[in-house]
Amino acid sequence: MSETDDNLARIAAAIEQLGPPTALPADWMAHPAYVWSGEEVRELRAIDAPALAQLRGIDRQKSALCDNIARLALGHAAHDMLLWGARGMGKSALLRAAVKEVQAGDPAALGLVQVAADALGRLPDLFHALASLRRHFVIFIDDLGFADDDTLGPRRLRSWLEGGVEARPANTRLAVTSNRRAVIARQAHEQDTAGGEGPLNDRDALDDRLALADRFGLSLGFHPCGKEAYLEIVTGYAAPLGLDFDEEEALAWAIARGQRSGRSAWQFVVELAGRAGKAL
């Protein structure tokens, strides 16, 4: 290759990088769900989720989330979603179940795209791939959290939620789960303001921690459950399998794991099913 040809190749490569990102190679109309790594798309033939009726003790959250996702599938106004709170209380399970319920009525109306947490910086590429499609999508970011020294990530997420240059397209909504509502933790020593004015007061510090959470139109809290709610959750999982259980044993199982939650309830039912020789 001559020096001139080499220069032309370099110029062409530079121009290509200035153009819009290449559409991600996937059939975005054919599958119920996808997993996006930031580089590759994996198509899923089914969504792994419990039936909505099995998810108990979170009726208020279930109603609000299902209504919002149904609106999105119909093309009506819908919110971005933040599901926050106690671990193991069904945040991601509820989201998957709500999408699966909508797809049962119209599989083509809605798709679920789960995004790896380390792929957030490439979200604009995903937005570009989905923007022109005649289908709606829930873009799912599970267990989101930012490092204390990460200021770019939260700022970009705010921009995507509130109409910045790289904002998510109209046919998509973000759904984020986190163990805390603030999503990002701010330390006291980071609260110094510019200009030598000293640290922010407590109210300002709280407002700053919640600034990102406030960008979500639908924010649903999930809290640790009491004994009665926990036993109701166990029943919701055990009854469809024809499994009986001892309440004291169920409570002892939760105590041994340090929490009464939907996750520990399901693990107890898995133990019951195994003893009974049942497959799940």
C-alpha atoms as a PDB file:
ATOM      1  CA  MET A   1       0.000   0.000   0.000  1.00  0.00           C
ATOM      2  CA  SER A   2       1.358   3.429  -0.960  1.00  0.00           C
ATOM      3  CA  GLU A   3       1.701   6.262   1.498  1.00  0.00           C
ATOM      4  CA  THR A   4      -1.239   8.017  -0.198  1.00  0.00           C
ATOM      5  CA  ASP A   5      -3.448   4.931   0.117  1.00  0.00           C
ATOM      6  CA  ASP A   6      -2.466   4.570   3.752  1.00  0.00           C
ATOM      7  CA  ASN A   7      -3.404   8.177   4.478  1.00  0.00           C
ATOM      8  CA  LEU A   8      -6.749   7.748   2.718  1.00  0.00           C
ATOM      9  CA  ALA A   9      -7.465   4.649   4.799  1.00  0.00           C
ATOM     10  CA  ARG A  10      -6.709   6.539   7.997  1.00  0.00           C
ATOM     11  CA  ILE A  11      -8.998   9.409   6.943  1.00  0.00           C
ATOM     12  CA  ALA A  12     -11.812   7.001   6.077  1.00  0.00           C
ATOM     13  CA  ALA A  13     -11.485   5.285   9.465  1.00  0.00           C
ATOM     14  CA  ALA A  14     -11.608   8.633  11.245  1.00  0.00           C
ATOM     15  CA  ILE A  15     -14.721   9.703   9.324  1.00  0.00           C
ATOM     16  CA  GLU A  16     -16.397   6.392  10.125  1.00  0.00           C
ATOM     17  CA  GLN A  17     -15.794   6.971  13.835  1.00  0.00           C
ATOM     18  CA  LEU A  18     -17.478  10.384  13.564  1.00  0.00           C
ATOM     19  CA  GLY A  19     -20.647   8.864  12.151  1.00  0.00           C
ATOM     20  CA  PRO A  20     -23.496   7.233  14.102  1.00  0.00           C
ATOM     21  CA  PRO A  21     -22.686   3.917  15.797  1.00  0.00           C
ATOM     22  CA  THR A  22     -23.332   0.759  13.851  1.00  0.00           C
ATOM     23  CA  ALA A  23     -26.600  -0.933  14.810  1.00  0.00           C
ATOM     24  CA  LEU A  24     -26.002  -3.792  17.220  1.00  0.00           C
ATOM     25  CA  PRO A  25     -26.391  -7.155  15.420  1.00  0.00           C
ATOM     26  CA  ALA A  26     -29.587  -8.592  16.856  1.00  0.00           C
ATOM     27  CA  ASP A  27     -33.178  -9.214  15.794  1.00  0.00           C
ATOM     28  CA  TRP A  28     -34.761  -6.773  18.211  1.00  0.00           C
ATOM     29  CA  MET A  29     -38.314  -7.675  17.129  1.00  0.00           C
ATOM     30  CA  ALA A  30     -38.243 -11.450  17.549  1.00  0.00           C
ATOM     31  CA  HIS A  31     -37.295 -12.277  21.129  1.00  0.00           C
ATOM     32  CA  PRO A  32     -38.775 -11.551  24.563  1.00  0.00           C
ATOM     33  CA  ALA A  33     -35.447 -10.580  26.152  1.00  0.00           C
ATOM     34  CA  TYR A  34     -31.826  -9.735  25.447  1.00  0.00           C
ATOM     35  CA  VAL A  35     -28.611  -9.384  27.433  1.00  0.00           C
ATOM     36  CA  TRP A  36     -26.268  -6.618  26.296  1.00  0.00           C
ATOM     37  CA  SER A  37     -22.630  -6.582  27.391  1.00  0.00           C
ATOM     38  CA  GLY A  38     -21.728  -3.281  25.752  1.00  0.00           C
ATOM     39  CA  GLU A  39     -20.086  -5.183  22.898  1.00  0.00           C
ATOM     40  CA  GLU A  40     -22.396  -8.095  22.132  1.00  0.00           C
ATOM     41  CA  VAL A  41     -26.092  -8.917  22.282  1.00  0.00           C
ATOM     42  CA  ARG A  42     -27.356 -12.293  23.449  1.00  0.00           C
ATOM     43  CA  GLU A  43     -30.935 -13.153  22.471  1.00  0.00           C
ATOM     44  CA  LEU A  44     -33.075 -15.044  24.992  1.00  0.00           C
ATOM     45  CA  ARG A  45     -36.004 -17.226  24.004  1.00  0.00           C
ATOM     46  CA  ALA A  46     -37.756 -16.898  27.370  1.00  0.00           C
ATOM     47  CA  ILE A  47     -37.771 -14.736  30.488  1.00  0.00           C
ATOM     48  CA  ASP A  48     -37.020 -16.613  33.694  1.00  0.00           C
ATOM     49  CA  ALA A  49     -39.522 -15.211  36.207  1.00  0.00           C
ATOM     50  CA  PRO A  50     -42.071 -16.458  38.724  1.00  0.00           C
ATOM     51  CA  ALA A  51     -45.769 -15.955  38.087  1.00  0.00           C
ATOM     52  CA  LEU A  52     -47.007 -12.619  39.407  1.00  0.00           C
ATOM     53  CA  ALA A  53     -49.434 -14.416  41.732  1.00  0.00           C
ATOM     54  CA  GLN A  54     -46.489 -16.079  43.466  1.00  0.00           C
ATOM     55  CA  LEU A  55     -44.933 -12.751  44.425  1.00  0.00           C
ATOM     56  CA  ARG A  56     -46.592 -11.852  47.706  1.00  0.00           C
ATOM     57  CA  GLY A  57     -46.068  -9.212  50.352  1.00  0.00           C
ATOM     58  CA  ILE A  58     -45.373  -6.545  47.713  1.00  0.00           C
ATOM     59  CA  ASP A  59     -48.888  -5.904  46.384  1.00  0.00           C
ATOM     60  CA  ARG A  60     -48.558  -2.108  46.196  1.00  0.00           C
ATOM     61  CA  GLN A  61     -45.256  -2.293  44.323  1.00  0.00           C
ATOM     62  CA  LYS A  62     -46.635  -4.992  42.032  1.00  0.00           C
ATOM     63  CA  SER A  63     -49.688  -2.951  41.070  1.00  0.00           C
ATOM     64  CA  ALA A  64     -47.735   0.233  40.350  1.00  0.00           C
ATOM     65  CA  LEU A  65     -44.995  -1.480  38.338  1.00  0.00           C
ATOM     66  CA  CYS A  66     -47.331  -3.628  36.251  1.00  0.00           C
ATOM     67  CA  ASP A  67     -49.497  -0.620  35.411  1.00  0.00           C
ATOM     68  CA  ASN A  68     -46.477   1.413  34.300  1.00  0.00           C
ATOM     69  CA  ILE A  69     -45.029  -1.361  32.139  1.00  0.00           C
ATOM     70  CA  ALA A  70     -48.425  -2.033  30.544  1.00  0.00           C
ATOM     71  CA  ARG A  71     -48.645   1.654  29.614  1.00  0.00           C
ATOM     72  CA  LEU A  72     -45.203   1.532  28.036  1.00  0.00           C
ATOM     73  CA  ALA A  73     -46.167  -1.491  25.929  1.00  0.00           C
ATOM     74  CA  LEU A  74     -49.239   0.383  24.639  1.00  0.00           C
ATOM     75  CA  GLY A  75     -47.199   3.436  23.726  1.00  0.00           C
ATOM     76  CA  HIS A  76     -48.766   5.561  26.454  1.00  0.00           C
ATOM     77  CA  ALA A  77     -46.890   7.892  28.803  1.00  0.00           C
ATOM     78  CA  ALA A  78     -44.784   5.813  31.210  1.00  0.00           C
ATOM     79  CA  HIS A  79     -42.110   6.456  33.823  1.00  0.00           C
ATOM     80  CA  ASP A  80     -38.524   5.368  34.214  1.00  0.00           C
ATOM     81  CA  MET A  81     -38.410   3.028  37.211  1.00  0.00           C
ATOM     82  CA  LEU A  82     -36.246   2.756  40.316  1.00  0.00           C
ATOM     83  CA  LEU A  83     -36.813  -0.296  42.530  1.00  0.00           C
ATOM     84  CA  TRP A  84     -34.815   0.119  45.710  1.00  0.00           C
ATOM     85  CA  GLY A  85     -34.539  -1.359  49.166  1.00  0.00           C
ATOM     86  CA  ALA A  86     -33.939  -4.546  51.099  1.00  0.00           C
ATOM     87  CA  ARG A  87     -32.029  -7.314  49.370  1.00  0.00           C
ATOM     88  CA  GLY A  88     -33.926 -10.432  48.410  1.00  0.00           C
ATOM     89  CA  MET A  89     -37.381  -8.808  48.423  1.00  0.00           C
ATOM     90  CA  GLY A  90     -38.150  -9.499  44.775  1.00  0.00           C
ATOM     91  CA  LYS A  91     -37.131  -6.311  42.972  1.00  0.00           C
ATOM     92  CA  SER A  92     -35.661  -7.902  39.857  1.00  0.00           C
ATOM     93  CA  ALA A  93     -38.047 -10.886  39.984  1.00  0.00           C
ATOM     94  CA  LEU A  94     -41.027  -8.524  39.968  1.00  0.00           C
ATOM     95  CA  LEU A  95     -39.677  -6.573  37.021  1.00  0.00           C
ATOM     96  CA  ARG A  96     -39.104  -9.704  34.958  1.00  0.00           C
ATOM     97  CA  ALA A  97     -42.520 -11.079  35.921  1.00  0.00           C
ATOM     98  CA  ALA A  98     -44.278  -7.830  34.977  1.00  0.00           C
ATOM     99  CA  VAL A  99     -42.657  -7.787  31.528  1.00  0.00           C
ATOM    100  CA  LYS A 100     -43.472 -11.466  31.018  1.00  0.00           C
ATOM    101  CA  GLU A 101     -47.114 -10.801  31.927  1.00  0.00           C
ATOM    102  CA  VAL A 102     -47.413  -8.060  29.309  1.00  0.00           C
ATOM    103  CA  GLN A 103     -45.752 -10.241  26.684  1.00  0.00           C
ATOM    104  CA  ALA A 104     -48.315 -12.977  27.290  1.00  0.00           C
ATOM    105  CA  GLY A 105     -50.904 -10.650  25.766  1.00  0.00           C
ATOM    106  CA  ASP A 106     -48.742  -9.239  22.960  1.00  0.00           C
ATOM    107  CA  PRO A 107     -45.197 -10.605  22.572  1.00  0.00           C
ATOM    108  CA  ALA A 108     -44.266  -8.066  19.887  1.00  0.00           C
ATOM    109  CA  ALA A 109     -45.221  -5.011  21.934  1.00  0.00           C
ATOM    110  CA  LEU A 110     -42.422  -5.087  24.495  1.00  0.00           C
ATOM    111  CA  GLY A 111     -38.870  -6.376  24.864  1.00  0.00           C
ATOM    112  CA  LEU A 112     -36.597  -6.575  27.901  1.00  0.00           C
ATOM    113  CA  VAL A 113     -32.911  -5.668  27.549  1.00  0.00           C
ATOM    114  CA  GLN A 114     -30.692  -6.350  30.553  1.00  0.00           C
ATOM    115  CA  VAL A 115     -27.531  -4.252  30.561  1.00  0.00           C
ATOM    116  CA  ALA A 116     -24.345  -5.226  32.351  1.00  0.00           C
ATOM    117  CA  ALA A 117     -23.394  -2.669  34.998  1.00  0.00           C
ATOM    118  CA  ASP A 118     -19.970  -2.146  33.418  1.00  0.00           C
ATOM    119  CA  ALA A 119     -21.583  -1.356  30.042  1.00  0.00           C
ATOM    120  CA  LEU A 120     -23.267   1.882  31.112  1.00  0.00           C
ATOM    121  CA  GLY A 121     -20.805   3.986  29.153  1.00  0.00           C
ATOM    122  CA  ARG A 122     -21.990   2.335  25.917  1.00  0.00           C
ATOM    123  CA  LEU A 123     -25.698   2.905  26.520  1.00  0.00           C
ATOM    124  CA  PRO A 124     -25.935   5.532  23.730  1.00  0.00           C
ATOM    125  CA  ASP A 125     -25.018   2.762  21.245  1.00  0.00           C
ATOM    126  CA  LEU A 126     -27.938   0.705  22.520  1.00  0.00           C
ATOM    127  CA  PHE A 127     -30.250   3.733  22.345  1.00  0.00           C
ATOM    128  CA  HIS A 128     -29.257   4.242  18.711  1.00  0.00           C
ATOM    129  CA  ALA A 129     -30.017   0.599  17.873  1.00  0.00           C
ATOM    130  CA  LEU A 130     -33.493   0.708  19.444  1.00  0.00           C
ATOM    131  CA  ALA A 131     -34.670   4.224  18.598  1.00  0.00           C
ATOM    132  CA  SER A 132     -36.124   3.563  15.150  1.00  0.00           C
ATOM    133  CA  LEU A 133     -37.910   0.300  15.978  1.00  0.00           C
ATOM    134  CA  ARG A 134     -41.684  -0.083  16.180  1.00  0.00           C
ATOM    135  CA  ARG A 135     -41.400  -1.855  19.517  1.00  0.00           C
ATOM    136  CA  HIS A 136     -41.058  -0.658  23.095  1.00  0.00           C
ATOM    137  CA  PHE A 137     -38.285  -1.758  25.453  1.00  0.00           C
ATOM    138  CA  VAL A 138     -37.519  -1.878  29.151  1.00  0.00           C
ATOM    139  CA  ILE A 139     -33.780  -1.333  29.594  1.00  0.00           C
ATOM    140  CA  PHE A 140     -32.948  -3.155  32.811  1.00  0.00           C
ATOM    141  CA  ILE A 141     -29.916  -2.338  34.976  1.00  0.00           C
ATOM    142  CA  ASP A 142     -29.816  -4.688  37.955  1.00  0.00           C
ATOM    143  CA  ASP A 143     -28.155  -3.927  41.304  1.00  0.00           C
ATOM    144  CA  LEU A 144     -26.776  -0.563  40.236  1.00  0.00           C
ATOM    145  CA  GLY A 145     -24.227   1.231  42.376  1.00  0.00           C
ATOM    146  CA  PHE A 146     -21.502   3.781  41.707  1.00  0.00           C
ATOM    147  CA  ALA A 147     -18.125   4.044  43.369  1.00  0.00           C
ATOM    148  CA  ASP A 148     -17.662   7.020  45.664  1.00  0.00           C
ATOM    149  CA  ASP A 149     -15.184   8.620  43.259  1.00  0.00           C
ATOM    150  CA  ASP A 150     -17.310   8.054  40.132  1.00  0.00           C
ATOM    151  CA  THR A 151     -18.831  11.399  39.159  1.00  0.00           C
ATOM    152  CA  LEU A 152     -19.216  10.765  35.420  1.00  0.00           C
ATOM    153  CA  GLY A 153     -21.508   7.735  35.678  1.00  0.00           C
ATOM    154  CA  PRO A 154     -24.239   9.398  37.763  1.00  0.00           C
ATOM    155  CA  ARG A 155     -24.128  12.548  35.617  1.00  0.00           C
ATOM    156  CA  ARG A 156     -24.572  10.576  32.412  1.00  0.00           C
ATOM    157  CA  LEU A 157     -27.442   8.595  33.901  1.00  0.00           C
ATOM    158  CA  ARG A 158     -29.169  11.851  34.890  1.00  0.00           C
ATOM    159  CA  SER A 159     -28.737  13.111  31.343  1.00  0.00           C
ATOM    160  CA  TRP A 160     -30.209   9.935  29.848  1.00  0.00           C
ATOM    161  CA  LEU A 161     -33.224  10.254  32.150  1.00  0.00           C
ATOM    162  CA  GLU A 162     -33.877  13.940  31.635  1.00  0.00           C
ATOM    163  CA  GLY A 163     -33.459  14.691  27.978  1.00  0.00           C
ATOM    164  CA  GLY A 164     -29.773  15.399  27.492  1.00  0.00           C
ATOM    165  CA  VAL A 165     -28.083  15.087  24.118  1.00  0.00           C
ATOM    166  CA  GLU A 166     -27.767  11.300  24.587  1.00  0.00           C
ATOM    167  CA  ALA A 167     -31.203  10.837  26.207  1.00  0.00           C
ATOM    168  CA  ARG A 168     -32.910   7.497  25.924  1.00  0.00           C
ATOM    169  CA  PRO A 169     -35.340   7.279  22.960  1.00  0.00           C
ATOM    170  CA  ALA A 170     -39.081   7.636  23.422  1.00  0.00           C
ATOM    171  CA  ASN A 171     -39.760   3.927  22.894  1.00  0.00           C
ATOM    172  CA  THR A 172     -37.601   2.909  25.879  1.00  0.00           C
ATOM    173  CA  ARG A 173     -37.697   3.329  29.637  1.00  0.00           C
ATOM    174  CA  LEU A 174     -34.956   2.586  32.140  1.00  0.00           C
ATOM    175  CA  ALA A 175     -35.618   0.206  35.029  1.00  0.00           C
ATOM    176  CA  VAL A 176     -32.962   0.177  37.755  1.00  0.00           C
ATOM    177  CA  THR A 177     -32.723  -1.895  40.917  1.00  0.00           C
ATOM    178  CA  SER A 178     -30.545  -0.871  43.840  1.00  0.00           C
ATOM    179  CA  ASN A 179     -30.217  -1.806  47.492  1.00  0.00           C
ATOM    180  CA  ARG A 180     -30.418   1.867  48.436  1.00  0.00           C
ATOM    181  CA  ARG A 181     -32.570   4.679  47.178  1.00  0.00           C
ATOM    182  CA  ALA A 182     -29.693   7.150  46.872  1.00  0.00           C
ATOM    183  CA  VAL A 183     -27.914   4.768  44.409  1.00  0.00           C
ATOM    184  CA  ILE A 184     -24.661   6.642  45.072  1.00  0.00           C
ATOM    185  CA  ALA A 185     -23.063   7.138  48.459  1.00  0.00           C
ATOM    186  CA  ARG A 186     -21.568  10.518  49.277  1.00  0.00           C
ATOM    187  CA  GLN A 187     -19.025  10.742  52.068  1.00  0.00           C
ATOM    188  CA  ALA A 188     -18.812  13.640  54.495  1.00  0.00           C
ATOM    189  CA  HIS A 189     -15.312  14.604  53.341  1.00  0.00           C
ATOM    190  CA  GLU A 190     -16.638  14.962  49.764  1.00  0.00           C
ATOM    191  CA  GLN A 191     -19.229  17.557  50.684  1.00  0.00           C
ATOM    192  CA  ASP A 192     -16.882  20.571  50.448  1.00  0.00           C
ATOM    193  CA  THR A 193     -18.131  23.203  48.029  1.00  0.00           C
ATOM    194  CA  ALA A 194     -16.116  25.362  45.679  1.00  0.00           C
ATOM    195  CA  GLY A 195     -15.115  28.883  46.693  1.00  0.00           C
ATOM    196  CA  GLY A 196     -14.156  28.071  50.258  1.00  0.00           C
ATOM    197  CA  GLU A 197     -17.744  28.102  51.530  1.00  0.00           C
ATOM    198  CA  GLY A 198     -17.218  25.017  53.657  1.00  0.00           C
ATOM    199  CA  PRO A 199     -19.217  21.766  53.785  1.00  0.00           C
ATOM    200  CA  LEU A 200     -22.818  21.464  52.693  1.00  0.00           C
ATOM    201  CA  ASN A 201     -25.395  21.376  55.453  1.00  0.00           C
ATOM    202  CA  ASP A 202     -27.240  18.150  56.213  1.00  0.00           C
ATOM    203  CA  ARG A 203     -30.261  19.044  54.103  1.00  0.00           C
ATOM    204  CA  ASP A 204     -28.121  19.855  51.076  1.00  0.00           C
ATOM    205  CA  ALA A 205     -26.148  16.642  51.527  1.00  0.00           C
ATOM    206  CA  LEU A 206     -29.361  14.609  51.579  1.00  0.00           C
ATOM    207  CA  ASP A 207     -30.680  16.420  48.500  1.00  0.00           C
ATOM    208  CA  ASP A 208     -27.428  15.678  46.681  1.00  0.00           C
ATOM    209  CA  ARG A 209     -27.587  11.962  47.501  1.00  0.00           C
ATOM    210  CA  LEU A 210     -31.167  11.740  46.254  1.00  0.00           C
ATOM    211  CA  ALA A 211     -30.666  13.890  43.147  1.00  0.00           C
ATOM    212  CA  LEU A 212     -30.278  10.892  40.862  1.00  0.00           C
ATOM    213  CA  ALA A 213     -33.151   8.956  42.454  1.00  0.00           C
ATOM    214  CA  ASP A 214     -35.466  11.917  41.874  1.00  0.00           C
ATOM    215  CA  ARG A 215     -35.008  11.569  38.101  1.00  0.00           C
ATOM    216  CA  PHE A 216     -37.086   8.375  38.130  1.00  0.00           C
ATOM    217  CA  GLY A 217     -40.798   9.049  37.766  1.00  0.00           C
ATOM    218  CA  LEU A 218     -41.658   5.793  39.533  1.00  0.00           C
ATOM    219  CA  SER A 219     -39.659   5.002  42.685  1.00  0.00           C
ATOM    220  CA  LEU A 220     -40.740   1.913  44.624  1.00  0.00           C
ATOM    221  CA  GLY A 221     -39.314   0.924  47.993  1.00  0.00           C
ATOM    222  CA  PHE A 222     -38.979  -2.710  49.099  1.00  0.00           C
ATOM    223  CA  HIS A 223     -38.639  -3.243  52.830  1.00  0.00           C
ATOM    224  CA  PRO A 224     -37.770  -6.228  55.068  1.00  0.00           C
ATOM    225  CA  CYS A 225     -40.854  -8.299  55.774  1.00  0.00           C
ATOM    226  CA  GLY A 226     -42.318  -9.361  59.096  1.00  0.00           C
ATOM    227  CA  LYS A 227     -43.173 -12.898  60.119  1.00  0.00           C
ATOM    228  CA  GLU A 228     -46.683 -12.929  58.645  1.00  0.00           C
ATOM    229  CA  ALA A 229     -45.568 -11.508  55.305  1.00  0.00           C
ATOM    230  CA  TYR A 230     -42.667 -13.943  55.151  1.00  0.00           C
ATOM    231  CA  LEU A 231     -44.937 -16.928  55.762  1.00  0.00           C
ATOM    232  CA  GLU A 232     -47.314 -15.599  53.111  1.00  0.00           C
ATOM    233  CA  ILE A 233     -44.443 -15.502  50.630  1.00  0.00           C
ATOM    234  CA  VAL A 234     -43.475 -19.088  51.497  1.00  0.00           C
ATOM    235  CA  THR A 235     -47.085 -20.134  50.935  1.00  0.00           C
ATOM    236  CA  GLY A 236     -47.147 -18.374  47.558  1.00  0.00           C
ATOM    237  CA  TYR A 237     -44.198 -20.449  46.387  1.00  0.00           C
ATOM    238  CA  ALA A 238     -45.081 -23.745  48.099  1.00  0.00           C
ATOM    239  CA  ALA A 239     -48.809 -24.030  47.335  1.00  0.00           C
ATOM    240  CA  PRO A 240     -48.548 -24.329  43.512  1.00  0.00           C
ATOM    241  CA  LEU A 241     -46.038 -27.138  44.035  1.00  0.00           C
ATOM    242  CA  GLY A 242     -48.307 -29.019  46.405  1.00  0.00           C
ATOM    243  CA  LEU A 243     -45.848 -28.628  49.277  1.00  0.00           C
ATOM    244  CA  ASP A 244     -46.864 -28.392  52.917  1.00  0.00           C
ATOM    245  CA  PHE A 245     -44.538 -26.795  55.438  1.00  0.00           C
ATOM    246  CA  ASP A 246     -44.074 -26.218  59.141  1.00  0.00           C
ATOM    247  CA  GLU A 247     -44.185 -22.512  60.017  1.00  0.00           C
ATOM    248  CA  GLU A 248     -41.623 -22.796  62.780  1.00  0.00           C
ATOM    249  CA  GLU A 249     -39.189 -24.526  60.457  1.00  0.00           C
ATOM    250  CA  ALA A 250     -39.746 -21.847  57.818  1.00  0.00           C
ATOM    251  CA  LEU A 251     -38.995 -19.109  60.342  1.00  0.00           C
ATOM    252  CA  ALA A 252     -35.932 -20.942  61.630  1.00  0.00           C
ATOM    253  CA  TRP A 253     -34.655 -21.201  58.045  1.00  0.00           C
ATOM    254  CA  ALA A 254     -34.905 -17.418  57.664  1.00  0.00           C
ATOM    255  CA  ILE A 255     -33.208 -16.763  61.006  1.00  0.00           C
ATOM    256  CA  ALA A 256     -30.301 -18.991  60.022  1.00  0.00           C
ATOM    257  CA  ARG A 257     -29.799 -16.844  56.905  1.00  0.00           C
ATOM    258  CA  GLY A 258     -30.079 -13.550  58.710  1.00  0.00           C
ATOM    259  CA  GLN A 259     -33.118 -12.231  56.906  1.00  0.00           C
ATOM    260  CA  ARG A 260     -36.806 -12.781  56.286  1.00  0.00           C
ATOM    261  CA  SER A 261     -37.171 -12.091  52.590  1.00  0.00           C
ATOM    262  CA  GLY A 262     -38.579 -13.417  49.352  1.00  0.00           C
ATOM    263  CA  ARG A 263     -35.187 -14.900  48.532  1.00  0.00           C
ATOM    264  CA  SER A 264     -34.902 -16.884  51.770  1.00  0.00           C
ATOM    265  CA  ALA A 265     -38.541 -17.974  51.355  1.00  0.00           C
ATOM    266  CA  TRP A 266     -37.785 -19.343  47.891  1.00  0.00           C
ATOM    267  CA  GLN A 267     -34.642 -21.084  49.123  1.00  0.00           C
ATOM    268  CA  PHE A 268     -36.696 -22.769  51.846  1.00  0.00           C
ATOM    269  CA  VAL A 269     -39.209 -23.975  49.240  1.00  0.00           C
ATOM    270  CA  VAL A 270     -36.343 -25.312  47.101  1.00  0.00           C
ATOM    271  CA  GLU A 271     -35.248 -27.304  50.153  1.00  0.00           C
ATOM    272  CA  LEU A 272     -38.808 -28.641  50.633  1.00  0.00           C
ATOM    273  CA  ALA A 273     -39.062 -29.604  46.964  1.00  0.00           C
ATOM    274  CA  GLY A 274     -35.741 -31.405  47.101  1.00  0.00           C
ATOM    275  CA  ARG A 275     -36.808 -33.421  50.124  1.00  0.00           C
ATOM    276  CA  ALA A 276     -40.060 -34.341  48.329  1.00  0.00           C
ATOM    277  CA  GLY A 277     -38.198 -35.470  45.230  1.00  0.00           C
ATOM    278  CA  LYS A 278     -39.673 -32.719  43.054  1.00  0.00           C
ATOM    279  CA  ALA A 279     -37.905 -30.886  40.229  1.00  0.00           C
ATOM    280  CA  LEU A 280     -38.283 -27.137  39.823  1.00  0.00           C
END
